């Protein structure tokens, strides 16, 4: 005989599994992906500034000899 309690348990277990899965995805994004993205953005900006300075020279007024 099927009761409401037997039907509710798998839904509750599925919800718990969904929460654990969502938590693991969140932690993966926070711990692994965002630090890599942050380092890439800062490194890319530094590379861009370096290349601009290689082409146009360092910032500031021109040196007078």
PDB file of N, CA and C in Angstrom:
ATOM      1  N   UNK A   1       0.834  -1.168   0.000  1.00  0.00           N
ATOM      2  CA  UNK A   1       0.000   0.000   0.000  1.00  0.00           C
ATOM      3  C   UNK A   1       0.894   1.252   0.000  1.00  0.00           C
ATOM      4  N   UNK A   2       0.604   2.204  -0.832  1.00  0.00           N
ATOM      5  CA  UNK A   2       1.385   3.429  -0.960  1.00  0.00           C
ATOM      6  C   UNK A   2       0.736   4.514  -0.115  1.00  0.00           C
ATOM      7  N   UNK A   3       1.538   5.103   0.749  1.00  0.00           N
ATOM      8  CA  UNK A   3       1.029   6.191   1.584  1.00  0.00           C
ATOM      9  C   UNK A   3       1.716   7.492   1.178  1.00  0.00           C
ATOM     10  N   UNK A   4       1.186   8.577   1.713  1.00  0.00           N
ATOM     11  CA  UNK A   4       1.776   9.885   1.414  1.00  0.00           C
ATOM     12  C   UNK A   4       3.195   9.993   1.954  1.00  0.00           C
ATOM     13  N   UNK A   5       3.459   9.337   3.072  1.00  0.00           N
ATOM     14  CA  UNK A   5       4.790   9.407   3.668  1.00  0.00           C
ATOM     15  C   UNK A   5       5.814   8.712   2.767  1.00  0.00           C
ATOM     16  N   UNK A   6       5.456   7.597   2.144  1.00  0.00           N
ATOM     17  CA  UNK A   6       6.372   6.899   1.245  1.00  0.00           C
ATOM     18  C   UNK A   6       6.669   7.734   0.004  1.00  0.00           C
ATOM     19  N   UNK A   7       5.718   8.509  -0.455  1.00  0.00           N
ATOM     20  CA  UNK A   7       5.923   9.355  -1.632  1.00  0.00           C
ATOM     21  C   UNK A   7       6.764  10.571  -1.253  1.00  0.00           C
ATOM     22  N   UNK A   8       6.578  11.082  -0.041  1.00  0.00           N
ATOM     23  CA  UNK A   8       7.273  12.296   0.380  1.00  0.00           C
ATOM     24  C   UNK A   8       8.757  12.049   0.626  1.00  0.00           C
ATOM     25  N   UNK A   9       9.141  10.859   1.062  1.00  0.00           N
ATOM     26  CA  UNK A   9      10.542  10.594   1.365  1.00  0.00           C
ATOM     27  C   UNK A   9      11.442  10.728   0.140  1.00  0.00           C
ATOM     28  N   UNK A  10      11.123  10.153  -1.005  1.00  0.00           N
ATOM     29  CA  UNK A  10      12.010  10.344  -2.151  1.00  0.00           C
ATOM     30  C   UNK A  10      12.104  11.805  -2.581  1.00  0.00           C
ATOM     31  N   UNK A  11      11.015  12.547  -2.472  1.00  0.00           N
ATOM     32  CA  UNK A  11      11.062  13.964  -2.823  1.00  0.00           C
ATOM     33  C   UNK A  11      11.982  14.709  -1.863  1.00  0.00           C
ATOM     34  N   UNK A  12      11.920  14.355  -0.595  1.00  0.00           N
ATOM     35  CA  UNK A  12      12.803  14.983   0.404  1.00  0.00           C
ATOM     36  C   UNK A  12      14.257  14.611   0.146  1.00  0.00           C
ATOM     37  N   UNK A  13      14.509  13.372  -0.181  1.00  0.00           N
ATOM     38  CA  UNK A  13      15.875  12.944  -0.491  1.00  0.00           C
ATOM     39  C   UNK A  13      16.376  13.622  -1.760  1.00  0.00           C
ATOM     40  N   UNK A  14      15.502  13.778  -2.726  1.00  0.00           N
ATOM     41  CA  UNK A  14      15.891  14.450  -3.967  1.00  0.00           C
ATOM     42  C   UNK A  14      16.208  15.920  -3.692  1.00  0.00           C
ATOM     43  N   UNK A  15      15.436  16.556  -2.844  1.00  0.00           N
ATOM     44  CA  UNK A  15      15.685  17.951  -2.486  1.00  0.00           C
ATOM     45  C   UNK A  15      17.026  18.076  -1.758  1.00  0.00           C
ATOM     46  N   UNK A  16      17.325  17.114  -0.875  1.00  0.00           N
ATOM     47  CA  UNK A  16      18.583  17.131  -0.137  1.00  0.00           C
ATOM     48  C   UNK A  16      19.757  16.940  -1.095  1.00  0.00           C
ATOM     49  N   UNK A  17      19.612  16.013  -2.052  1.00  0.00           N
ATOM     50  CA  UNK A  17      20.661  15.797  -3.043  1.00  0.00           C
ATOM     51  C   UNK A  17      20.843  17.037  -3.910  1.00  0.00           C
ATOM     52  N   UNK A  18      19.743  17.690  -4.242  1.00  0.00           N
ATOM     53  CA  UNK A  18      19.817  18.907  -5.047  1.00  0.00           C
ATOM     54  C   UNK A  18      20.548  20.010  -4.288  1.00  0.00           C
ATOM     55  N   UNK A  19      20.278  20.136  -3.003  1.00  0.00           N
ATOM     56  CA  UNK A  19      20.963  21.150  -2.193  1.00  0.00           C
ATOM     57  C   UNK A  19      22.451  20.852  -2.091  1.00  0.00           C
ATOM     58  N   UNK A  20      22.808  19.587  -1.887  1.00  0.00           N
ATOM     59  CA  UNK A  20      24.224  19.221  -1.806  1.00  0.00           C
ATOM     60  C   UNK A  20      24.921  19.484  -3.129  1.00  0.00           C
ATOM     61  N   UNK A  21      24.253  19.157  -4.215  1.00  0.00           N
ATOM     62  CA  UNK A  21      24.822  19.407  -5.535  1.00  0.00           C
ATOM     63  C   UNK A  21      25.015  20.900  -5.762  1.00  0.00           C
ATOM     64  N   UNK A  22      24.021  21.685  -5.389  1.00  0.00           N
ATOM     65  CA  UNK A  22      24.112  23.136  -5.547  1.00  0.00           C
ATOM     66  C   UNK A  22      25.222  23.713  -4.672  1.00  0.00           C
ATOM     67  N   UNK A  23      25.375  23.200  -3.463  1.00  0.00           N
ATOM     68  CA  UNK A  23      26.443  23.651  -2.579  1.00  0.00           C
ATOM     69  C   UNK A  23      27.812  23.312  -3.155  1.00  0.00           C
ATOM     70  N   UNK A  24      27.963  22.123  -3.709  1.00  0.00           N
ATOM     71  CA  UNK A  24      29.240  21.739  -4.315  1.00  0.00           C
ATOM     72  C   UNK A  24      29.567  22.608  -5.523  1.00  0.00           C
ATOM     73  N   UNK A  25      28.576  22.919  -6.328  1.00  0.00           N
ATOM     74  CA  UNK A  25      28.802  23.802  -7.479  1.00  0.00           C
ATOM     75  C   UNK A  25      29.206  25.189  -6.991  1.00  0.00           C
ATOM     76  N   UNK A  26      28.530  25.708  -5.982  1.00  0.00           N
ATOM     77  CA  UNK A  26      28.859  27.026  -5.435  1.00  0.00           C
ATOM     78  C   UNK A  26      30.280  27.052  -4.895  1.00  0.00           C
ATOM     79  N   UNK A  27      30.659  26.047  -4.121  1.00  0.00           N
ATOM     80  CA  UNK A  27      32.010  26.008  -3.563  1.00  0.00           C
ATOM     81  C   UNK A  27      33.063  25.864  -4.652  1.00  0.00           C
ATOM     82  N   UNK A  28      32.763  25.105  -5.691  1.00  0.00           N
ATOM     83  CA  UNK A  28      33.699  24.980  -6.809  1.00  0.00           C
ATOM     84  C   UNK A  28      33.902  26.325  -7.481  1.00  0.00           C
ATOM     85  N   UNK A  29      32.831  27.047  -7.689  1.00  0.00           N
ATOM     86  CA  UNK A  29      32.942  28.370  -8.318  1.00  0.00           C
ATOM     87  C   UNK A  29      33.735  29.310  -7.418  1.00  0.00           C
ATOM     88  N   UNK A  30      33.425  29.335  -6.122  1.00  0.00           N
ATOM     89  CA  UNK A  30      34.062  30.277  -5.200  1.00  0.00           C
ATOM     90  C   UNK A  30      35.532  29.934  -4.973  1.00  0.00           C
ATOM     91  N   UNK A  31      35.850  28.658  -4.805  1.00  0.00           N
ATOM     92  CA  UNK A  31      37.207  28.264  -4.427  1.00  0.00           C
ATOM     93  C   UNK A  31      38.113  28.096  -5.639  1.00  0.00           C
ATOM     94  N   UNK A  32      37.605  27.608  -6.748  1.00  0.00           N
ATOM     95  CA  UNK A  32      38.467  27.303  -7.890  1.00  0.00           C
ATOM     96  C   UNK A  32      38.353  28.294  -9.037  1.00  0.00           C
ATOM     97  N   UNK A  33      37.162  28.599  -9.465  1.00  0.00           N
ATOM     98  CA  UNK A  33      36.991  29.356 -10.708  1.00  0.00           C
ATOM     99  C   UNK A  33      37.238  30.845 -10.495  1.00  0.00           C
ATOM    100  N   UNK A  34      36.651  31.464  -9.466  1.00  0.00           N
ATOM    101  CA  UNK A  34      36.805  32.910  -9.283  1.00  0.00           C
ATOM    102  C   UNK A  34      38.238  33.330  -9.018  1.00  0.00           C
ATOM    103  N   UNK A  35      39.033  32.599  -8.224  1.00  0.00           N
ATOM    104  CA  UNK A  35      40.441  32.998  -8.085  1.00  0.00           C
ATOM    105  C   UNK A  35      41.205  32.939  -9.406  1.00  0.00           C
ATOM    106  N   UNK A  36      40.933  31.952 -10.227  1.00  0.00           N
ATOM    107  CA  UNK A  36      41.598  31.861 -11.528  1.00  0.00           C
ATOM    108  C   UNK A  36      41.181  33.029 -12.411  1.00  0.00           C
ATOM    109  N   UNK A  37      39.910  33.366 -12.407  1.00  0.00           N
ATOM    110  CA  UNK A  37      39.423  34.503 -13.197  1.00  0.00           C
ATOM    111  C   UNK A  37      40.054  35.800 -12.684  1.00  0.00           C
ATOM    112  N   UNK A  38      40.139  35.968 -11.372  1.00  0.00           N
ATOM    113  CA  UNK A  38      40.720  37.187 -10.804  1.00  0.00           C
ATOM    114  C   UNK A  38      42.188  37.323 -11.188  1.00  0.00           C
ATOM    115  N   UNK A  39      42.955  36.250 -11.085  1.00  0.00           N
ATOM    116  CA  UNK A  39      44.367  36.288 -11.470  1.00  0.00           C
ATOM    117  C   UNK A  39      44.494  36.574 -12.960  1.00  0.00           C
ATOM    118  N   UNK A  40      43.640  35.993 -13.768  1.00  0.00           N
ATOM    119  CA  UNK A  40      43.677  36.246 -15.205  1.00  0.00           C
ATOM    120  C   UNK A  40      43.368  37.690 -15.556  1.00  0.00           C
ATOM    121  N   UNK A  41      42.387  38.274 -14.881  1.00  0.00           N
ATOM    122  CA  UNK A  41      42.024  39.670 -15.158  1.00  0.00           C
ATOM    123  C   UNK A  41      43.156  40.604 -14.739  1.00  0.00           C
ATOM    124  N   UNK A  42      43.700  40.409 -13.548  1.00  0.00           N
ATOM    125  CA  UNK A  42      44.788  41.269 -13.072  1.00  0.00           C
ATOM    126  C   UNK A  42      46.029  41.082 -13.939  1.00  0.00           C
ATOM    127  N   UNK A  43      46.344  39.835 -14.279  1.00  0.00           N
ATOM    128  CA  UNK A  43      47.489  39.579 -15.150  1.00  0.00           C
ATOM    129  C   UNK A  43      47.294  40.158 -16.537  1.00  0.00           C
ATOM    130  N   UNK A  44      46.093  40.049 -17.069  1.00  0.00           N
ATOM    131  CA  UNK A  44      45.798  40.623 -18.384  1.00  0.00           C
ATOM    132  C   UNK A  44      45.914  42.133 -18.379  1.00  0.00           C
ATOM    133  N   UNK A  45      45.455  42.765 -17.314  1.00  0.00           N
ATOM    134  CA  UNK A  45      45.569  44.226 -17.201  1.00  0.00           C
ATOM    135  C   UNK A  45      47.041  44.635 -17.105  1.00  0.00           C
ATOM    136  N   UNK A  46      47.809  43.907 -16.307  1.00  0.00           N
ATOM    137  CA  UNK A  46      49.238  44.195 -16.195  1.00  0.00           C
ATOM    138  C   UNK A  46      49.950  44.026 -17.526  1.00  0.00           C
ATOM    139  N   UNK A  47      49.612  42.989 -18.258  1.00  0.00           N
ATOM    140  CA  UNK A  47      50.208  42.772 -19.578  1.00  0.00           C
ATOM    141  C   UNK A  47      49.835  43.906 -20.527  1.00  0.00           C
ATOM    142  N   UNK A  48      48.588  44.343 -20.489  1.00  0.00           N
ATOM    143  CA  UNK A  48      48.138  45.442 -21.346  1.00  0.00           C
ATOM    144  C   UNK A  48      48.903  46.731 -21.038  1.00  0.00           C
ATOM    145  N   UNK A  49      49.058  47.055 -19.756  1.00  0.00           N
ATOM    146  CA  UNK A  49      49.803  48.254 -19.365  1.00  0.00           C
ATOM    147  C   UNK A  49      51.254  48.129 -19.803  1.00  0.00           C
ATOM    148  N   UNK A  50      51.846  46.966 -19.625  1.00  0.00           N
ATOM    149  CA  UNK A  50      53.236  46.741 -20.022  1.00  0.00           C
ATOM    150  C   UNK A  50      53.402  46.943 -21.528  1.00  0.00           C
ATOM    151  N   UNK A  51      52.494  46.391 -22.321  1.00  0.00           N
ATOM    152  CA  UNK A  51      52.590  46.537 -23.778  1.00  0.00           C
ATOM    153  C   UNK A  51      52.410  47.998 -24.205  1.00  0.00           C
ATOM    154  N   UNK A  52      51.471  48.697 -23.580  1.00  0.00           N
ATOM    155  CA  UNK A  52      51.268  50.112 -23.916  1.00  0.00           C
ATOM    156  C   UNK A  52      52.522  50.915 -23.580  1.00  0.00           C
ATOM    157  N   UNK A  53      53.153  50.610 -22.443  1.00  0.00           N
ATOM    158  CA  UNK A  53      54.370  51.323 -22.078  1.00  0.00           C
ATOM    159  C   UNK A  53      55.540  50.944 -22.985  1.00  0.00           C
ATOM    160  N   UNK A  54      55.545  49.742 -23.505  1.00  0.00           N
ATOM    161  CA  UNK A  54      56.593  49.351 -24.460  1.00  0.00           C
ATOM    162  C   UNK A  54      56.453  50.157 -25.750  1.00  0.00           C
ATOM    163  N   UNK A  55      55.230  50.451 -26.153  1.00  0.00           N
ATOM    164  CA  UNK A  55      54.994  51.163 -27.411  1.00  0.00           C
ATOM    165  C   UNK A  55      55.128  52.673 -27.215  1.00  0.00           C
ATOM    166  N   UNK A  56      54.469  53.237 -26.204  1.00  0.00           N
ATOM    167  CA  UNK A  56      54.404  54.687 -26.031  1.00  0.00           C
ATOM    168  C   UNK A  56      55.364  55.228 -24.981  1.00  0.00           C
ATOM    169  N   UNK A  57      56.047  54.406 -24.262  1.00  0.00           N
ATOM    170  CA  UNK A  57      56.947  54.863 -23.209  1.00  0.00           C
ATOM    171  C   UNK A  57      56.229  54.976 -21.881  1.00  0.00           C
ATOM    172  N   UNK A  58      57.002  55.190 -20.810  1.00  0.00           N
ATOM    173  CA  UNK A  58      56.384  55.289 -19.488  1.00  0.00           C
ATOM    174  C   UNK A  58      55.549  56.561 -19.367  1.00  0.00           C
ATOM    175  N   UNK A  59      54.620  56.579 -18.426  1.00  0.00           N
ATOM    176  CA  UNK A  59      53.773  57.762 -18.269  1.00  0.00           C
ATOM    177  C   UNK A  59      54.563  58.932 -17.681  1.00  0.00           C
ATOM    178  N   UNK A  60      54.062  60.114 -17.895  1.00  0.00           N
ATOM    179  CA  UNK A  60      54.690  61.307 -17.340  1.00  0.00           C
ATOM    180  C   UNK A  60      55.189  62.223 -18.431  1.00  0.00           C
ATOM    181  N   UNK A  61      55.701  63.367 -18.021  1.00  0.00           N
ATOM    182  CA  UNK A  61      56.201  64.314 -19.023  1.00  0.00           C
ATOM    183  C   UNK A  61      57.481  63.784 -19.667  1.00  0.00           C
ATOM    184  N   UNK A  62      57.760  64.194 -20.884  1.00  0.00           N
ATOM    185  CA  UNK A  62      58.986  63.739 -21.533  1.00  0.00           C
ATOM    186  C   UNK A  62      60.218  64.276 -20.800  1.00  0.00           C
ATOM    187  N   UNK A  63      61.274  63.490 -20.829  1.00  0.00           N
ATOM    188  CA  UNK A  63      62.511  63.892 -20.163  1.00  0.00           C
ATOM    189  C   UNK A  63      63.220  64.956 -20.983  1.00  0.00           C
ATOM    190  N   UNK A  64      63.693  65.986 -20.322  1.00  0.00           N
ATOM    191  CA  UNK A  64      64.449  67.044 -20.993  1.00  0.00           C
ATOM    192  C   UNK A  64      65.933  66.795 -20.767  1.00  0.00           C
ATOM    193  N   UNK A  65      66.713  66.872 -21.839  1.00  0.00           N
ATOM    194  CA  UNK A  65      68.154  66.637 -21.702  1.00  0.00           C
ATOM    195  C   UNK A  65      68.872  67.926 -21.650  1.00  0.00           C
TER     196      UNK A  65
END
